[in-house]
Amino acid sequence: MYLGMFISLFGVACVLGSTSALAGPVAFFALAQFWYIRSEEEAMTLKFGDKYIEYQRSVPRWL
């Protein structure tokens, strides 16, 4: 979901052809990486424990 949104925002920035338009995708990436995904991973670790930690090791975060 996050990867799809990032790709969409990046595509719009490319169509606009302005380097300032890249601020949106960069901001979204940072917010998703350091806020949303991190809090979701903490919740999943609490809920599923070691099985989720094993899953994290085998699957890239932005897949």
N, C-alpha and C. Protein backbone atom coordinates (compact mmCIF):
# COMPACT_ATOMS: atom_id res chain seq x y z
N MET A 1 0.83 -1.17 0.00
CA MET A 1 0.00 0.00 0.00
C MET A 1 0.88 1.25 0.00
N TYR A 2 1.86 1.28 0.90
CA TYR A 2 2.73 2.45 0.97
C TYR A 2 3.58 2.58 -0.29
N LEU A 3 4.05 1.46 -0.80
CA LEU A 3 4.86 1.50 -2.02
C LEU A 3 4.04 2.02 -3.19
N GLY A 4 2.81 1.56 -3.31
CA GLY A 4 1.94 2.02 -4.39
C GLY A 4 1.67 3.51 -4.31
N MET A 5 1.45 4.02 -3.12
CA MET A 5 1.21 5.44 -2.94
C MET A 5 2.46 6.24 -3.28
N PHE A 6 3.62 5.76 -2.86
CA PHE A 6 4.86 6.45 -3.17
C PHE A 6 5.09 6.50 -4.68
N ILE A 7 4.87 5.38 -5.36
CA ILE A 7 5.06 5.34 -6.81
C ILE A 7 4.10 6.30 -7.50
N SER A 8 2.86 6.37 -7.03
CA SER A 8 1.89 7.30 -7.61
C SER A 8 2.33 8.75 -7.42
N LEU A 9 2.74 9.09 -6.21
CA LEU A 9 3.19 10.45 -5.94
C LEU A 9 4.43 10.80 -6.76
N PHE A 10 5.34 9.85 -6.88
CA PHE A 10 6.55 10.07 -7.66
C PHE A 10 6.20 10.26 -9.14
N GLY A 11 5.25 9.48 -9.62
CA GLY A 11 4.82 9.62 -11.02
C GLY A 11 4.21 10.98 -11.29
N VAL A 12 3.39 11.46 -10.37
CA VAL A 12 2.80 12.80 -10.53
C VAL A 12 3.90 13.85 -10.53
N ALA A 13 4.87 13.70 -9.64
CA ALA A 13 5.98 14.66 -9.59
C ALA A 13 6.76 14.65 -10.91
N CYS A 14 6.95 13.49 -11.47
CA CYS A 14 7.66 13.40 -12.76
C CYS A 14 6.87 14.05 -13.88
N VAL A 15 5.56 13.86 -13.89
CA VAL A 15 4.70 14.47 -14.91
C VAL A 15 4.73 15.99 -14.79
N LEU A 16 4.75 16.48 -13.56
CA LEU A 16 4.81 17.93 -13.35
C LEU A 16 6.15 18.50 -13.78
N GLY A 17 7.19 17.68 -13.74
CA GLY A 17 8.49 18.08 -14.24
C GLY A 17 9.21 19.14 -13.41
N SER A 18 8.88 19.23 -12.15
CA SER A 18 9.49 20.22 -11.28
C SER A 18 10.19 19.52 -10.12
N THR A 19 11.37 19.98 -9.79
CA THR A 19 12.07 19.36 -8.66
C THR A 19 11.36 19.65 -7.34
N SER A 20 10.65 20.77 -7.26
CA SER A 20 9.92 21.06 -6.02
C SER A 20 8.75 20.11 -5.83
N ALA A 21 8.25 19.53 -6.91
CA ALA A 21 7.16 18.55 -6.81
C ALA A 21 7.63 17.26 -6.15
N LEU A 22 8.93 17.04 -6.12
CA LEU A 22 9.47 15.84 -5.47
C LEU A 22 9.38 15.92 -3.95
N ALA A 23 9.08 17.09 -3.41
CA ALA A 23 8.96 17.23 -1.96
C ALA A 23 7.84 16.35 -1.42
N GLY A 24 6.76 16.22 -2.17
CA GLY A 24 5.63 15.38 -1.74
C GLY A 24 6.01 13.92 -1.56
N PRO A 25 6.57 13.29 -2.60
CA PRO A 25 6.97 11.89 -2.44
C PRO A 25 8.04 11.68 -1.37
N VAL A 26 8.98 12.60 -1.27
CA VAL A 26 10.04 12.47 -0.25
C VAL A 26 9.43 12.57 1.15
N ALA A 27 8.54 13.53 1.33
CA ALA A 27 7.88 13.69 2.63
C ALA A 27 7.04 12.46 2.96
N PHE A 28 6.30 11.94 1.97
CA PHE A 28 5.50 10.74 2.20
C PHE A 28 6.38 9.56 2.59
N PHE A 29 7.50 9.39 1.87
CA PHE A 29 8.40 8.28 2.17
C PHE A 29 8.91 8.38 3.61
N ALA A 30 9.36 9.56 4.01
CA ALA A 30 9.89 9.74 5.36
C ALA A 30 8.82 9.49 6.40
N LEU A 31 7.64 10.02 6.18
CA LEU A 31 6.54 9.84 7.13
C LEU A 31 6.15 8.37 7.25
N ALA A 32 6.05 7.70 6.11
CA ALA A 32 5.69 6.28 6.13
C ALA A 32 6.78 5.45 6.80
N GLN A 33 8.02 5.70 6.44
CA GLN A 33 9.14 4.91 6.95
C GLN A 33 9.32 5.06 8.46
N PHE A 34 9.26 6.29 8.94
CA PHE A 34 9.62 6.55 10.33
C PHE A 34 8.43 6.72 11.27
N TRP A 35 7.22 6.79 10.73
CA TRP A 35 6.07 6.97 11.61
C TRP A 35 5.10 5.79 11.47
N TYR A 36 4.48 5.66 10.29
CA TYR A 36 3.44 4.66 10.12
C TYR A 36 3.96 3.23 10.19
N ILE A 37 4.95 2.94 9.39
CA ILE A 37 5.44 1.56 9.32
C ILE A 37 6.04 1.13 10.66
N ARG A 38 6.80 2.02 11.27
CA ARG A 38 7.43 1.67 12.55
C ARG A 38 6.37 1.34 13.61
N SER A 39 5.30 2.15 13.69
CA SER A 39 4.26 1.88 14.69
C SER A 39 3.50 0.60 14.36
N GLU A 40 3.28 0.34 13.08
CA GLU A 40 2.61 -0.90 12.69
C GLU A 40 3.47 -2.12 13.02
N GLU A 41 4.77 -2.00 12.78
CA GLU A 41 5.66 -3.12 13.09
C GLU A 41 5.70 -3.40 14.60
N GLU A 42 5.69 -2.36 15.40
CA GLU A 42 5.66 -2.57 16.85
C GLU A 42 4.39 -3.28 17.28
N ALA A 43 3.26 -2.88 16.72
CA ALA A 43 1.99 -3.53 17.05
C ALA A 43 1.98 -4.99 16.61
N MET A 44 2.52 -5.26 15.42
CA MET A 44 2.57 -6.64 14.93
C MET A 44 3.50 -7.50 15.78
N THR A 45 4.61 -6.92 16.23
CA THR A 45 5.53 -7.67 17.09
C THR A 45 4.86 -8.01 18.41
N LEU A 46 4.13 -7.06 18.97
CA LEU A 46 3.42 -7.34 20.22
C LEU A 46 2.36 -8.42 20.04
N LYS A 47 1.70 -8.39 18.90
CA LYS A 47 0.61 -9.34 18.67
C LYS A 47 1.12 -10.74 18.30
N PHE A 48 2.15 -10.82 17.44
CA PHE A 48 2.58 -12.11 16.92
C PHE A 48 3.94 -12.59 17.42
N GLY A 49 4.69 -11.72 18.09
CA GLY A 49 5.95 -12.11 18.71
C GLY A 49 7.02 -12.58 17.76
N ASP A 50 7.65 -13.70 18.11
CA ASP A 50 8.79 -14.22 17.35
C ASP A 50 8.46 -14.59 15.92
N LYS A 51 7.24 -15.03 15.68
CA LYS A 51 6.87 -15.39 14.30
C LYS A 51 6.92 -14.16 13.39
N TYR A 52 6.51 -13.02 13.91
CA TYR A 52 6.57 -11.81 13.10
C TYR A 52 8.01 -11.35 12.90
N ILE A 53 8.84 -11.50 13.91
CA ILE A 53 10.25 -11.13 13.79
C ILE A 53 10.93 -11.99 12.72
N GLU A 54 10.62 -13.26 12.67
CA GLU A 54 11.14 -14.14 11.62
C GLU A 54 10.65 -13.68 10.25
N TYR A 55 9.39 -13.32 10.17
CA TYR A 55 8.82 -12.81 8.92
C TYR A 55 9.55 -11.55 8.47
N GLN A 56 9.83 -10.64 9.40
CA GLN A 56 10.54 -9.40 9.07
C GLN A 56 11.92 -9.69 8.48
N ARG A 57 12.57 -10.70 8.97
CA ARG A 57 13.91 -11.03 8.47
C ARG A 57 13.88 -11.56 7.04
N SER A 58 12.76 -12.16 6.64
CA SER A 58 12.71 -12.78 5.32
C SER A 58 12.04 -11.91 4.25
N VAL A 59 11.38 -10.82 4.66
CA VAL A 59 10.64 -10.00 3.70
C VAL A 59 11.10 -8.55 3.83
N PRO A 60 11.51 -7.91 2.72
CA PRO A 60 11.90 -6.51 2.78
C PRO A 60 10.73 -5.61 3.20
N ARG A 61 11.05 -4.55 3.90
CA ARG A 61 10.03 -3.65 4.45
C ARG A 61 9.15 -3.03 3.35
N TRP A 62 9.73 -2.59 2.28
CA TRP A 62 8.97 -1.87 1.24
C TRP A 62 8.53 -2.79 0.10
N LEU A 63 8.31 -4.06 0.37
CA LEU A 63 7.86 -4.98 -0.67
C LEU A 63 6.39 -4.81 -0.91
